[in-house]
Protein backbone atom coordinates (compact mmCIF):
# COMPACT_ATOMS: atom_id res chain seq x y z
CA MET A 1 -11.09 47.04 47.01
CA PHE A 2 -8.63 45.44 49.41
CA ILE A 3 -9.91 45.55 52.99
CA ASN A 4 -7.61 46.73 55.77
CA TYR A 5 -9.45 45.36 58.82
CA ALA A 6 -8.54 47.01 62.10
CA HIS A 7 -8.23 43.84 64.21
CA ARG A 8 -10.20 44.48 67.39
CA GLY A 9 -9.64 48.08 66.37
CA ALA A 10 -6.15 49.56 66.32
CA SER A 11 -5.26 47.02 68.98
CA GLN A 12 -1.50 47.57 68.86
CA TYR A 13 -2.06 51.10 70.14
CA ARG A 14 -5.33 51.08 72.10
CA PRO A 15 -7.12 48.59 74.41
CA GLU A 16 -8.60 46.04 72.03
CA ASN A 17 -12.31 45.76 71.23
CA THR A 18 -13.15 49.16 72.74
CA LEU A 19 -14.75 52.17 71.11
CA ILE A 20 -11.51 54.14 71.36
CA SER A 21 -9.68 51.32 69.58
CA PHE A 22 -12.22 51.15 66.75
CA ARG A 23 -12.25 54.93 66.31
CA TYR A 24 -8.46 55.08 66.22
CA GLY A 25 -8.34 52.29 63.65
CA LEU A 26 -10.37 54.47 61.30
CA GLU A 27 -8.09 57.43 61.98
CA LEU A 28 -5.19 55.21 60.86
CA GLY A 29 -6.85 54.47 57.53
CA ALA A 30 -8.65 51.16 58.07
CA ASN A 31 -11.60 50.55 55.77
CA GLY A 32 -12.78 47.55 57.76
CA ILE A 33 -13.27 46.56 61.40
CA GLU A 34 -12.97 43.14 63.02
CA LEU A 35 -14.54 42.49 66.43
CA ASP A 36 -15.61 39.66 68.75
CA LEU A 37 -18.95 39.05 70.45
CA GLN A 38 -19.85 37.32 73.69
CA GLU A 39 -22.93 37.30 75.91
CA THR A 40 -23.26 38.56 79.47
CA LYS A 41 -25.08 36.79 82.29
CA ASP A 42 -28.16 38.91 81.59
CA GLY A 43 -28.16 38.31 77.84
CA LYS A 44 -26.44 41.44 76.55
CA LEU A 45 -24.03 41.21 73.62
CA VAL A 46 -20.66 42.78 74.42
CA ILE A 47 -17.44 43.04 72.45
CA PHE A 48 -14.66 40.95 73.97
CA HIS A 49 -12.29 38.28 72.71
CA ASP A 50 -10.64 36.23 75.45
CA ASP A 51 -12.15 33.25 77.27
CA THR A 52 -11.72 35.14 80.56
CA ILE A 53 -11.44 38.81 81.47
CA ASP A 54 -8.43 38.25 83.72
CA CYS A 55 -5.77 39.75 81.42
CA LYS A 56 -7.79 42.51 79.77
CA SER A 57 -9.60 44.03 82.75
CA ASN A 58 -9.33 44.42 86.50
CA GLY A 59 -11.82 41.58 86.98
CA LYS A 60 -11.62 37.81 86.86
CA GLY A 61 -13.71 35.07 85.30
CA ARG A 62 -15.79 34.88 82.15
CA ILE A 63 -18.02 37.43 80.48
CA ALA A 64 -20.95 35.07 81.16
CA ASP A 65 -20.27 35.26 84.90
CA TYR A 66 -21.35 38.90 85.07
CA THR A 67 -24.25 41.13 84.14
CA TYR A 68 -23.57 44.02 81.81
CA ALA A 69 -24.03 46.45 84.71
CA GLU A 70 -21.34 44.61 86.68
CA LEU A 71 -18.93 44.58 83.74
CA LYS A 72 -19.60 48.28 83.17
CA GLN A 73 -18.07 49.01 86.57
CA MET A 74 -14.78 47.34 85.61
CA ASP A 75 -11.74 48.83 83.89
CA PHE A 76 -11.11 47.35 80.44
CA GLY A 77 -8.36 49.78 79.45
CA GLY A 78 -5.82 50.12 82.22
CA TRP A 79 -4.06 46.87 81.26
CA LYS A 80 -2.91 48.61 78.06
CA GLY A 81 -1.58 51.71 79.80
CA ALA A 82 -2.43 54.12 82.58
CA GLU A 83 -3.73 56.65 80.05
CA PHE A 84 -6.51 54.22 79.13
CA ALA A 85 -7.65 53.45 82.69
CA GLY A 86 -11.39 53.57 83.10
CA THR A 87 -12.23 52.44 79.57
CA SER A 88 -15.53 50.56 79.56
CA ILE A 89 -16.52 47.34 77.89
CA CYS A 90 -18.56 48.00 74.75
CA LEU A 91 -22.10 46.87 74.05
CA PHE A 92 -22.47 45.57 70.52
CA GLU A 93 -25.56 47.73 70.10
CA ASP A 94 -23.56 50.86 70.92
CA PHE A 95 -20.97 49.81 68.35
CA ALA A 96 -23.70 49.11 65.81
CA LYS A 97 -25.27 52.53 66.30
CA GLU A 98 -21.97 54.29 65.69
CA PHE A 99 -20.31 52.18 63.01
CA LEU A 100 -22.65 49.94 61.02
CA GLY A 101 -23.92 52.86 58.97
CA LEU A 102 -20.43 53.83 57.83
CA ASP A 103 -18.84 52.95 54.50
CA LEU A 104 -16.78 50.12 55.96
CA THR A 105 -16.56 46.34 55.77
CA PHE A 106 -17.14 44.41 59.00
CA ALA A 107 -15.98 41.02 60.26
CA ILE A 108 -18.07 40.13 63.30
CA GLU A 109 -16.76 37.04 65.06
CA LEU A 110 -19.09 35.01 67.28
CA LYS A 111 -17.04 33.57 70.13
CA VAL A 112 -19.86 31.63 71.79
CA PRO A 113 -22.96 29.76 70.58
CA ASN A 114 -26.58 30.81 70.97
CA ILE A 115 -26.04 34.49 70.20
CA GLU A 116 -26.70 34.14 66.49
CA LYS A 117 -30.29 35.41 66.51
CA GLN A 118 -29.61 38.48 68.64
CA THR A 119 -26.54 39.34 66.56
CA LEU A 120 -28.49 39.18 63.33
CA GLU A 121 -31.34 41.23 64.75
CA LEU A 122 -29.01 44.04 65.82
CA ILE A 123 -27.22 44.01 62.48
CA GLU A 124 -30.53 44.23 60.65
CA LYS A 125 -31.59 47.13 62.88
CA TYR A 126 -28.54 49.30 62.21
CA LYS A 127 -26.87 48.23 58.96
CA LYS A 128 -26.87 50.45 55.86
CA HIS A 129 -25.24 47.95 53.46
CA ASP A 130 -24.38 44.25 53.20
CA ARG A 131 -20.59 44.39 53.59
CA ILE A 132 -20.92 42.54 56.86
CA TYR A 133 -19.44 39.09 57.43
CA ILE A 134 -20.39 36.84 60.33
CA SER A 135 -17.33 34.79 61.23
CA SER A 136 -16.36 32.06 63.65
CA PHE A 137 -13.94 29.21 64.13
CA ASP A 138 -16.96 27.16 65.19
CA TYR A 139 -18.60 25.66 62.09
CA ASP A 140 -21.79 24.79 64.00
CA ILE A 141 -22.26 28.45 64.91
CA LEU A 142 -22.01 29.41 61.26
CA ALA A 143 -24.45 26.68 60.28
CA ALA A 144 -26.89 28.08 62.85
CA VAL A 145 -26.44 31.57 61.40
CA ARG A 146 -27.25 30.28 57.94
CA LYS A 147 -30.44 28.59 59.16
CA LEU A 148 -31.58 31.93 60.58
CA CYS A 149 -30.61 34.06 57.60
CA LYS A 150 -30.20 33.00 53.98
CA ASN A 151 -28.49 36.17 52.79
CA VAL A 152 -25.87 37.17 55.35
CA LYS A 153 -22.23 36.74 54.38
CA ILE A 154 -20.44 33.97 56.27
CA SER A 155 -16.70 33.68 56.92
CA TRP A 156 -15.17 30.51 58.35
CA LEU A 157 -12.00 31.03 60.36
CA ILE A 158 -9.79 27.96 60.09
CA GLN A 159 -6.59 26.83 61.78
CA GLU A 160 -5.52 24.50 58.96
CA PRO A 161 -4.58 25.49 55.38
CA ILE A 162 -7.28 25.91 52.74
CA LYS A 163 -8.03 22.58 51.10
CA ARG A 164 -10.79 21.03 49.08
CA GLU A 165 -12.44 19.43 52.14
CA ASN A 166 -12.95 22.66 54.08
CA ILE A 167 -13.99 24.49 50.92
CA GLU A 168 -16.73 21.93 50.30
CA LYS A 169 -17.83 22.05 53.94
CA LEU A 170 -18.15 25.83 53.81
CA LEU A 171 -20.01 25.77 50.51
CA ALA A 172 -22.49 23.31 52.05
CA ILE A 173 -23.81 26.14 54.26
CA GLY A 174 -23.58 28.81 51.59
CA GLY A 175 -20.37 30.29 52.93
CA THR A 176 -18.87 33.42 51.41
CA GLN A 177 -15.30 33.64 52.62
CA ILE A 178 -12.66 31.29 54.03
CA CYS A 179 -10.11 32.67 56.49
CA PRO A 180 -6.86 30.81 57.18
CA ALA A 181 -3.91 32.05 59.20
CA ALA A 182 -1.52 34.04 57.03
CA LYS A 183 1.26 31.54 57.73
CA ASN A 184 -0.86 28.76 56.19
CA ALA A 185 -1.89 30.60 53.04
CA THR A 186 -0.30 30.13 49.63
CA LYS A 187 -1.07 31.50 46.19
CA GLU A 188 -2.23 28.02 45.15
CA SER A 189 -4.63 27.61 48.07
CA VAL A 190 -6.03 31.11 47.63
CA ALA A 191 -6.56 30.38 43.93
CA LEU A 192 -8.31 27.11 44.84
CA ALA A 193 -10.76 28.92 47.10
CA LYS A 194 -11.41 31.60 44.50
CA SER A 195 -12.01 28.98 41.82
CA HIS A 196 -14.92 27.76 43.98
CA GLY A 197 -16.35 31.25 44.34
CA LEU A 198 -15.03 31.94 47.83
CA GLY A 199 -13.25 35.05 48.99
CA VAL A 200 -10.22 34.80 51.27
CA ARG A 201 -9.37 36.91 54.32
CA LEU A 202 -6.21 36.31 56.33
CA TRP A 203 -5.67 36.52 60.08
CA GLY A 204 -2.58 36.09 62.27
CA VAL A 205 -0.68 38.93 60.59
CA THR A 206 1.76 39.40 63.44
CA ASP A 207 4.25 41.89 61.99
CA GLU A 208 5.06 43.92 58.90
CA ALA A 209 7.06 41.15 57.24
CA VAL A 210 4.08 38.79 57.46
CA MET A 211 1.83 41.60 56.26
CA ARG A 212 3.90 42.18 53.13
CA LYS A 213 4.02 38.47 52.27
CA ALA A 214 0.29 38.11 52.90
CA TYR A 215 -0.49 41.06 50.64
CA ASP A 216 1.16 39.28 47.72
CA LEU A 217 -1.33 36.41 47.94
CA ASP A 218 -4.15 38.29 46.16
CA THR A 219 -6.74 37.95 48.92
CA GLU A 220 -9.69 40.23 49.73
CA GLY A 221 -8.11 41.57 52.87
CA MET A 222 -6.44 40.87 56.20
CA THR A 223 -6.87 41.74 59.85
CA VAL A 224 -4.03 43.75 61.37
CA ASN A 225 -3.38 45.25 64.79
CA PHE A 226 -1.52 48.13 63.08
CA PRO A 227 -3.79 49.47 60.31
CA ASP A 228 -1.56 52.50 59.80
CA LYS A 229 1.27 50.30 58.51
CA LEU A 230 -1.01 48.50 56.08
CA THR A 231 -2.46 51.85 55.00
CA GLU A 232 1.02 53.06 54.05
CA TRP A 233 1.77 49.80 52.21
CA LEU A 234 -1.44 50.10 50.22
CA LYS A 235 -0.46 53.62 49.17
CA LEU A 236 2.83 52.28 47.84
CA TYR A 237 1.30 49.22 46.19
CA PRO A 238 -2.40 49.84 45.43
CA ARG A 239 -4.41 46.90 44.26
CA LYS A 240 -7.29 47.11 41.82
CA GLY A 241 -10.12 44.81 40.92
CA ILE A 242 -10.81 43.12 44.24
CA LYS A 243 -14.45 43.34 45.21
CA LYS A 244 -15.59 44.36 48.65
C-alpha cells in the first residue's frame, strides 16, 4: 500500500502539527501521519517543528525555553488564520492516545537529541501495530534509538541523493527506510535502495507537479501538505504491491 502521509497534518489548510491538522488530514484521505517532536523545559514531549516558536505562535524563543504549562497558554493557531486562534500546542502523549491505535502508518521525526527513550516508551504504551517509523536528519539520534530498541523501524531523512555510502551507513544501524528530498530522487537511486532491502519515503513535495513526478518513482510513500490532492491522484492511478 502506498502511504499518503499528512505532513504535520493537513498543513496546507490547518495550523501544522496540531490535533485539528492531524484530524483534517485523515478527513482528506491520508493513510499516514508525519509529525515532529521536541522537549519542553520540564521534560514533556510536544509536537512542533521549527527551531523557534516565533513564526508559528504568539510567543518567542525555543520550545526548550518554556514549560508545557507556559506553552499551553500560547496561541499556536492564529498565525494560520483568525479562525484558528487559540489552538493549543499538542502533547505527544495526547496524540498517541488518539491516533496510535488507528490503522495508519506514522513517521515520527525527532528534532532534538535525548528524547529517544521517552518517545519509545510512549509509543510502546499506546501503539496497536508496528507501522511506526522513527525518523530524523540526525544520524546520531537514530543510532541512539537503535541502541534502545532493536525492533523499531528507523527512517533516515537525508539532504543529499541516495547513494551507496548513505545506504551502507543506514544499514549499519539496522535502518528500515531512507528518505531523500523528492527533487533528489531518481528511479535508479530508489532501485538501489530497494536492492539493499530499504524502503524509500520522499519529502519536500512542494506542489502537485512534484507530487506527480515523485509518484512515478515507485517509492513506499511521500509526505504532503495537501493529502486531498494525493488522495485524488491515487484514485486515478492506484498502485498495488507496495508493502506498508
